PDB file of N, CA and C in Angstrom:
ATOM      1  N   MET A   1     -19.316 -56.140  28.562  1.00  0.00           N
ATOM      2  CA  MET A   1     -19.746 -57.062  27.287  1.00  0.00           C
ATOM      3  C   MET A   1     -21.326 -56.691  27.091  1.00  0.00           C
ATOM      4  N   LEU A   2     -21.666 -56.640  25.873  1.00  0.00           N
ATOM      5  CA  LEU A   2     -22.762 -56.182  25.644  1.00  0.00           C
ATOM      6  C   LEU A   2     -23.905 -57.450  24.744  1.00  0.00           C
ATOM      7  N   THR A   3     -25.352 -57.182  25.512  1.00  0.00           N
ATOM      8  CA  THR A   3     -25.995 -58.617  24.962  1.00  0.00           C
ATOM      9  C   THR A   3     -26.815 -58.256  24.248  1.00  0.00           C
ATOM     10  N   VAL A   4     -27.258 -58.696  23.236  1.00  0.00           N
ATOM     11  CA  VAL A   4     -28.716 -58.349  22.013  1.00  0.00           C
ATOM     12  C   VAL A   4     -29.014 -59.867  21.960  1.00  0.00           C
ATOM     13  N   SER A   5     -30.354 -59.080  22.233  1.00  0.00           N
ATOM     14  CA  SER A   5     -31.550 -60.622  22.296  1.00  0.00           C
ATOM     15  C   SER A   5     -32.311 -59.772  20.708  1.00  0.00           C
ATOM     16  N   ILE A   6     -33.037 -61.420  19.947  1.00  0.00           N
ATOM     17  CA  ILE A   6     -33.382 -60.849  18.829  1.00  0.00           C
ATOM     18  C   ILE A   6     -34.941 -62.215  18.833  1.00  0.00           C
ATOM     19  N   THR A   7     -36.194 -61.554  18.626  1.00  0.00           N
ATOM     20  CA  THR A   7     -37.496 -62.475  19.190  1.00  0.00           C
ATOM     21  C   THR A   7     -37.777 -62.443  17.642  1.00  0.00           C
ATOM     22  N   TYR A   8     -37.809 -63.957  17.627  1.00  0.00           N
ATOM     23  CA  TYR A   8     -39.243 -64.272  16.330  1.00  0.00           C
ATOM     24  C   TYR A   8     -40.451 -65.180  16.442  1.00  0.00           C
ATOM     25  N   THR A   9     -41.308 -64.290  15.794  1.00  0.00           N
ATOM     26  CA  THR A   9     -42.953 -65.252  16.070  1.00  0.00           C
ATOM     27  C   THR A   9     -42.829 -65.481  14.818  1.00  0.00           C
ATOM     28  N   CYS A  10     -42.892 -67.468  15.500  1.00  0.00           N
ATOM     29  CA  CYS A  10     -43.409 -68.288  14.784  1.00  0.00           C
ATOM     30  C   CYS A  10     -44.873 -68.867  14.194  1.00  0.00           C
ATOM     31  N   LYS A  11     -44.928 -69.039  12.624  1.00  0.00           N
ATOM     32  CA  LYS A  11     -46.477 -68.954  12.393  1.00  0.00           C
ATOM     33  C   LYS A  11     -46.533 -70.774  11.527  1.00  0.00           C
ATOM     34  N   TYR A  12     -45.552 -71.216  11.093  1.00  0.00           N
ATOM     35  CA  TYR A  12     -45.720 -72.010  10.434  1.00  0.00           C
ATOM     36  C   TYR A  12     -44.655 -72.842  11.397  1.00  0.00           C
ATOM     37  N   ARG A  13     -45.129 -74.531  11.183  1.00  0.00           N
ATOM     38  CA  ARG A  13     -44.040 -75.415  10.865  1.00  0.00           C
ATOM     39  C   ARG A  13     -44.389 -77.070  10.202  1.00  0.00           C
ATOM     40  N   LEU A  14     -43.347 -77.755   9.891  1.00  0.00           N
ATOM     41  CA  LEU A  14     -43.239 -78.790   9.270  1.00  0.00           C
ATOM     42  C   LEU A  14     -44.279 -79.685   9.998  1.00  0.00           C
ATOM     43  N   SER A  15     -45.121 -80.719   9.285  1.00  0.00           N
ATOM     44  CA  SER A  15     -45.959 -81.313   9.304  1.00  0.00           C
ATOM     45  C   SER A  15     -44.976 -82.634   9.935  1.00  0.00           C
ATOM     46  N   PHE A  16     -44.145 -82.901   8.937  1.00  0.00           N
ATOM     47  CA  PHE A  16     -43.291 -84.343   9.450  1.00  0.00           C
ATOM     48  C   PHE A  16     -41.639 -83.988   9.910  1.00  0.00           C
ATOM     49  N   ALA A  17     -41.607 -82.820  10.314  1.00  0.00           N
ATOM     50  CA  ALA A  17     -40.131 -82.555  11.145  1.00  0.00           C
ATOM     51  C   ALA A  17     -41.105 -81.120  12.116  1.00  0.00           C
ATOM     52  N   PRO A  18     -41.594 -80.934  12.996  1.00  0.00           N
ATOM     53  CA  PRO A  18     -42.250 -79.888  14.135  1.00  0.00           C
ATOM     54  C   PRO A  18     -40.921 -79.148  14.230  1.00  0.00           C
ATOM     55  N   ASN A  19     -39.870 -79.231  14.627  1.00  0.00           N
ATOM     56  CA  ASN A  19     -39.190 -78.393  15.090  1.00  0.00           C
ATOM     57  C   ASN A  19     -38.937 -77.575  14.294  1.00  0.00           C
ATOM     58  N   TYR A  20     -38.727 -78.067  13.051  1.00  0.00           N
ATOM     59  CA  TYR A  20     -38.335 -76.863  11.811  1.00  0.00           C
ATOM     60  C   TYR A  20     -39.897 -75.850  11.825  1.00  0.00           C
ATOM     61  N   VAL A  21     -39.795 -74.177  11.703  1.00  0.00           N
ATOM     62  CA  VAL A  21     -40.649 -73.549  12.009  1.00  0.00           C
ATOM     63  C   VAL A  21     -40.150 -72.636  11.229  1.00  0.00           C
ATOM     64  N   TRP A  22     -41.367 -71.605  10.769  1.00  0.00           N
ATOM     65  CA  TRP A  22     -41.117 -70.452  10.012  1.00  0.00           C
ATOM     66  C   TRP A  22     -41.483 -69.185  10.522  1.00  0.00           C
ATOM     67  N   THR A  23     -41.311 -68.112  10.702  1.00  0.00           N
ATOM     68  CA  THR A  23     -41.417 -67.021  11.605  1.00  0.00           C
ATOM     69  C   THR A  23     -42.073 -66.120  10.443  1.00  0.00           C
ATOM     70  N   ILE A  24     -42.955 -65.294  10.696  1.00  0.00           N
ATOM     71  CA  ILE A  24     -43.477 -64.390  10.254  1.00  0.00           C
ATOM     72  C   ILE A  24     -43.573 -63.385   8.843  1.00  0.00           C
ATOM     73  N   CYS A  25     -41.517 -63.108   9.393  1.00  0.00           N
ATOM     74  CA  CYS A  25     -40.436 -62.707   8.247  1.00  0.00           C
ATOM     75  C   CYS A  25     -40.153 -63.316   7.373  1.00  0.00           C
ATOM     76  N   GLY A  26     -40.719 -64.713   7.498  1.00  0.00           N
ATOM     77  CA  GLY A  26     -40.191 -65.809   5.781  1.00  0.00           C
ATOM     78  C   GLY A  26     -39.284 -66.774   6.322  1.00  0.00           C
ATOM     79  N   LYS A  27     -38.700 -66.316   7.695  1.00  0.00           N
ATOM     80  CA  LYS A  27     -36.706 -67.444   7.945  1.00  0.00           C
ATOM     81  C   LYS A  27     -37.060 -68.433   8.149  1.00  0.00           C
ATOM     82  N   CYS A  28     -36.489 -69.776   8.257  1.00  0.00           N
ATOM     83  CA  CYS A  28     -36.752 -71.326   8.837  1.00  0.00           C
ATOM     84  C   CYS A  28     -35.702 -71.132  10.140  1.00  0.00           C
ATOM     85  N   VAL A  29     -36.353 -71.652  11.106  1.00  0.00           N
ATOM     86  CA  VAL A  29     -35.939 -71.834  12.350  1.00  0.00           C
ATOM     87  C   VAL A  29     -35.624 -73.265  12.743  1.00  0.00           C
ATOM     88  N   ASN A  30     -34.688 -74.262  13.355  1.00  0.00           N
ATOM     89  CA  ASN A  30     -34.729 -74.861  13.822  1.00  0.00           C
ATOM     90  C   ASN A  30     -34.681 -74.994  15.338  1.00  0.00           C
ATOM     91  N   LEU A  31     -36.036 -75.425  15.651  1.00  0.00           N
ATOM     92  CA  LEU A  31     -36.008 -75.166  17.212  1.00  0.00           C
ATOM     93  C   LEU A  31     -34.920 -75.868  17.606  1.00  0.00           C
ATOM     94  N   LYS A  32     -34.691 -77.064  17.975  1.00  0.00           N
ATOM     95  CA  LYS A  32     -33.789 -77.748  18.753  1.00  0.00           C
ATOM     96  C   LYS A  32     -32.307 -77.170  18.820  1.00  0.00           C
ATOM     97  N   THR A  33     -32.010 -76.696  17.635  1.00  0.00           N
ATOM     98  CA  THR A  33     -30.556 -75.962  17.392  1.00  0.00           C
ATOM     99  C   THR A  33     -30.285 -74.515  18.017  1.00  0.00           C
ATOM    100  N   ASN A  34     -31.717 -74.163  17.902  1.00  0.00           N
ATOM    101  CA  ASN A  34     -32.021 -72.163  17.992  1.00  0.00           C
ATOM    102  C   ASN A  34     -30.801 -72.171  16.571  1.00  0.00           C
ATOM    103  N   ARG A  35     -31.384 -72.493  15.635  1.00  0.00           N
ATOM    104  CA  ARG A  35     -30.297 -72.331  14.419  1.00  0.00           C
ATOM    105  C   ARG A  35     -31.461 -71.623  13.300  1.00  0.00           C
ATOM    106  N   LEU A  36     -30.550 -70.383  12.315  1.00  0.00           N
ATOM    107  CA  LEU A  36     -31.766 -70.197  11.164  1.00  0.00           C
ATOM    108  C   LEU A  36     -31.303 -70.788   9.974  1.00  0.00           C
ATOM    109  N   ILE A  37     -32.118 -71.562   9.283  1.00  0.00           N
ATOM    110  CA  ILE A  37     -31.423 -72.460   8.201  1.00  0.00           C
ATOM    111  C   ILE A  37     -31.828 -71.650   7.031  1.00  0.00           C
ATOM    112  N   LYS A  38     -30.403 -71.477   6.276  1.00  0.00           N
ATOM    113  CA  LYS A  38     -30.460 -70.943   5.074  1.00  0.00           C
ATOM    114  C   LYS A  38     -31.130 -71.725   3.697  1.00  0.00           C
ATOM    115  N   GLN A  39     -31.597 -70.770   2.974  1.00  0.00           N
ATOM    116  CA  GLN A  39     -31.826 -71.597   1.602  1.00  0.00           C
ATOM    117  C   GLN A  39     -31.171 -71.724   0.794  1.00  0.00           C
ATOM    118  N   VAL A  40     -31.175 -72.441   0.043  1.00  0.00           N
ATOM    119  CA  VAL A  40     -30.129 -73.402  -1.328  1.00  0.00           C
ATOM    120  C   VAL A  40     -30.344 -73.139  -2.041  1.00  0.00           C
ATOM    121  N   TYR A  41     -29.461 -73.276  -3.077  1.00  0.00           N
ATOM    122  CA  TYR A  41     -30.183 -73.327  -4.047  1.00  0.00           C
ATOM    123  C   TYR A  41     -29.311 -74.877  -5.241  1.00  0.00           C
ATOM    124  N   LYS A  42     -30.573 -75.782  -5.210  1.00  0.00           N
ATOM    125  CA  LYS A  42     -30.368 -76.802  -5.727  1.00  0.00           C
ATOM    126  C   LYS A  42     -29.989 -77.515  -7.436  1.00  0.00           C
ATOM    127  N   SER A  43     -29.558 -77.422  -8.043  1.00  0.00           N
ATOM    128  CA  SER A  43     -29.972 -78.192  -9.291  1.00  0.00           C
ATOM    129  C   SER A  43     -31.375 -77.073  -9.702  1.00  0.00           C
ATOM    130  N   GLY A  44     -31.491 -76.054 -10.215  1.00  0.00           N
ATOM    131  CA  GLY A  44     -32.452 -75.251 -10.345  1.00  0.00           C
ATOM    132  C   GLY A  44     -33.713 -75.227  -9.034  1.00  0.00           C
ATOM    133  N   CYS A  45     -33.471 -75.769  -8.280  1.00  0.00           N
ATOM    134  CA  CYS A  45     -34.283 -75.331  -6.778  1.00  0.00           C
ATOM    135  C   CYS A  45     -33.826 -74.831  -6.016  1.00  0.00           C
ATOM    136  N   ILE A  46     -34.905 -74.216  -5.497  1.00  0.00           N
ATOM    137  CA  ILE A  46     -34.508 -73.262  -4.297  1.00  0.00           C
ATOM    138  C   ILE A  46     -35.189 -73.709  -3.168  1.00  0.00           C
ATOM    139  N   GLY A  47     -34.262 -74.378  -1.747  1.00  0.00           N
ATOM    140  CA  GLY A  47     -35.345 -74.828  -0.613  1.00  0.00           C
ATOM    141  C   GLY A  47     -34.081 -75.131   0.170  1.00  0.00           C
ATOM    142  N   TYR A  48     -34.351 -75.840   1.580  1.00  0.00           N
ATOM    143  CA  TYR A  48     -33.980 -76.168   2.369  1.00  0.00           C
ATOM    144  C   TYR A  48     -33.301 -77.379   2.728  1.00  0.00           C
ATOM    145  N   VAL A  49     -32.026 -77.585   3.493  1.00  0.00           N
ATOM    146  CA  VAL A  49     -31.902 -78.599   3.940  1.00  0.00           C
ATOM    147  C   VAL A  49     -32.194 -78.869   5.337  1.00  0.00           C
ATOM    148  N   ILE A  50     -33.003 -80.558   5.183  1.00  0.00           N
ATOM    149  CA  ILE A  50     -34.048 -80.047   6.456  1.00  0.00           C
ATOM    150  C   ILE A  50     -33.502 -81.804   6.852  1.00  0.00           C
ATOM    151  N   LYS A  51     -33.246 -82.281   8.343  1.00  0.00           N
ATOM    152  CA  LYS A  51     -32.705 -83.445   8.530  1.00  0.00           C
ATOM    153  C   LYS A  51     -31.830 -84.389   7.579  1.00  0.00           C
ATOM    154  N   GLY A  52     -30.333 -83.647   6.523  1.00  0.00           N
ATOM    155  CA  GLY A  52     -29.852 -83.754   5.978  1.00  0.00           C
ATOM    156  C   GLY A  52     -30.323 -84.304   4.444  1.00  0.00           C
ATOM    157  N   LYS A  53     -31.519 -83.732   4.238  1.00  0.00           N
ATOM    158  CA  LYS A  53     -31.951 -84.126   3.200  1.00  0.00           C
ATOM    159  C   LYS A  53     -32.447 -82.707   2.502  1.00  0.00           C
ATOM    160  N   PHE A  54     -32.161 -82.431   0.883  1.00  0.00           N
ATOM    161  CA  PHE A  54     -32.943 -81.148   0.728  1.00  0.00           C
ATOM    162  C   PHE A  54     -34.097 -81.396   0.218  1.00  0.00           C
ATOM    163  N   TYR A  55     -34.525 -80.227   0.581  1.00  0.00           N
ATOM    164  CA  TYR A  55     -36.258 -80.387   0.153  1.00  0.00           C
ATOM    165  C   TYR A  55     -36.758 -79.237  -0.800  1.00  0.00           C
ATOM    166  N   SER A  56     -37.211 -78.764  -1.631  1.00  0.00           N
ATOM    167  CA  SER A  56     -37.472 -77.838  -2.257  1.00  0.00           C
ATOM    168  C   SER A  56     -38.465 -77.014  -1.746  1.00  0.00           C
ATOM    169  N   ILE A  57     -39.243 -75.998  -2.370  1.00  0.00           N
ATOM    170  CA  ILE A  57     -39.929 -74.719  -1.193  1.00  0.00           C
ATOM    171  C   ILE A  57     -41.130 -75.291  -1.887  1.00  0.00           C
ATOM    172  N   LYS A  58     -41.236 -75.970  -3.467  1.00  0.00           N
ATOM    173  CA  LYS A  58     -42.602 -76.131  -3.965  1.00  0.00           C
ATOM    174  C   LYS A  58     -43.333 -77.861  -3.313  1.00  0.00           C
ATOM    175  N   LYS A  59     -41.993 -78.500  -2.385  1.00  0.00           N
ATOM    176  CA  LYS A  59     -42.217 -79.734  -1.762  1.00  0.00           C
ATOM    177  C   LYS A  59     -43.021 -79.469  -0.340  1.00  0.00           C
ATOM    178  N   LEU A  60     -41.942 -78.479   0.372  1.00  0.00           N
ATOM    179  CA  LEU A  60     -42.406 -77.939   1.519  1.00  0.00           C
ATOM    180  C   LEU A  60     -43.620 -77.311   1.907  1.00  0.00           C
ATOM    181  N   ARG A  61     -44.147 -76.455   0.757  1.00  0.00           N
ATOM    182  CA  ARG A  61     -45.208 -76.114   0.811  1.00  0.00           C
ATOM    183  C   ARG A  61     -46.268 -76.820   1.101  1.00  0.00           C
ATOM    184  N   THR A  62     -46.555 -78.319   0.316  1.00  0.00           N
ATOM    185  CA  THR A  62     -47.623 -78.896   0.601  1.00  0.00           C
ATOM    186  C   THR A  62     -47.444 -79.448   2.289  1.00  0.00           C
ATOM    187  N   GLU A  63     -46.045 -79.399   2.950  1.00  0.00           N
ATOM    188  CA  GLU A  63     -46.138 -80.187   4.386  1.00  0.00           C
ATOM    189  C   GLU A  63     -46.605 -78.967   5.502  1.00  0.00           C
ATOM    190  N   LEU A  64     -46.844 -77.527   5.206  1.00  0.00           N
ATOM    191  CA  LEU A  64     -47.071 -76.876   6.137  1.00  0.00           C
ATOM    192  C   LEU A  64     -47.927 -77.129   6.761  1.00  0.00           C
ATOM    193  N   GLU A  65     -47.754 -76.803   8.331  1.00  0.00           N
ATOM    194  CA  GLU A  65     -49.018 -76.478   9.036  1.00  0.00           C
ATOM    195  C   GLU A  65     -49.248 -75.596   9.875  1.00  0.00           C
ATOM    196  N   ALA A  66     -50.156 -74.838  10.549  1.00  0.00           N
ATOM    197  CA  ALA A  66     -50.189 -73.301  11.176  1.00  0.00           C
ATOM    198  C   ALA A  66     -50.244 -74.437  12.578  1.00  0.00           C
ATOM    199  N   ILE A  67     -48.821 -73.616  13.700  1.00  0.00           N
ATOM    200  CA  ILE A  67     -49.093 -73.570  14.887  1.00  0.00           C
ATOM    201  C   ILE A  67     -49.949 -73.868  15.573  1.00  0.00           C
ATOM    202  N   PRO A  68     -50.821 -74.309  16.085  1.00  0.00           N
ATOM    203  CA  PRO A  68     -52.269 -74.724  17.078  1.00  0.00           C
ATOM    204  C   PRO A  68     -51.605 -73.527  18.040  1.00  0.00           C
ATOM    205  N   LYS A  69     -52.339 -72.669  18.296  1.00  0.00           N
ATOM    206  CA  LYS A  69     -52.525 -71.946  19.706  1.00  0.00           C
ATOM    207  C   LYS A  69     -52.705 -72.298  21.030  1.00  0.00           C
ATOM    208  N   LYS A  70     -52.037 -72.011  21.644  1.00  0.00           N
ATOM    209  CA  LYS A  70     -52.519 -72.926  23.293  1.00  0.00           C
ATOM    210  C   LYS A  70     -53.565 -72.594  23.898  1.00  0.00           C
ATOM    211  N   GLU A  71     -54.273 -73.173  24.436  1.00  0.00           N
ATOM    212  CA  GLU A  71     -55.808 -73.022  25.520  1.00  0.00           C
ATOM    213  C   GLU A  71     -55.360 -72.411  26.813  1.00  0.00           C
ATOM    214  N   TYR A  72     -55.662 -71.263  27.475  1.00  0.00           N
ATOM    215  CA  TYR A  72     -55.378 -70.676  28.428  1.00  0.00           C
ATOM    216  C   TYR A  72     -55.853 -71.603  29.678  1.00  0.00           C
ATOM    217  N   SER A  73     -54.976 -72.256  30.300  1.00  0.00           N
ATOM    218  CA  SER A  73     -55.335 -72.770  31.598  1.00  0.00           C
ATOM    219  C   SER A  73     -54.506 -72.674  32.635  1.00  0.00           C
ATOM    220  N   PRO A  74     -55.664 -72.220  33.733  1.00  0.00           N
ATOM    221  CA  PRO A  74     -55.111 -71.076  34.924  1.00  0.00           C
ATOM    222  C   PRO A  74     -54.068 -72.482  36.224  1.00  0.00           C
ATOM    223  N   PHE A  75     -54.794 -73.907  35.215  1.00  0.00           N
ATOM    224  CA  PHE A  75     -53.285 -74.996  36.176  1.00  0.00           C
ATOM    225  C   PHE A  75     -52.436 -75.429  35.666  1.00  0.00           C
TER     226      PHE A  75
END
C-alpha cells in the first residue's frame, strides 16, 4: 500500500464561515470535511458554493480575513 500526504499552508478564512480557508496557492478548503472546494461558473459569475449557497468571488473578497497567528505559550 502506498500513502501520499499533501500539506497546504492556509492564509485567509471567511469571516462568516471560519472553517472555509484559502491556501497560499489559491485553493479553497473546507476544514470540517477536509475537502477541496471547486470553483463554479454560474450565471456569468465565478465563485464557490459555501454552506449550500453560491457566493461570487467579488462578494467573498470583502468577507476574507487573515488567519490570526497563535501566540507561543509554554503551558
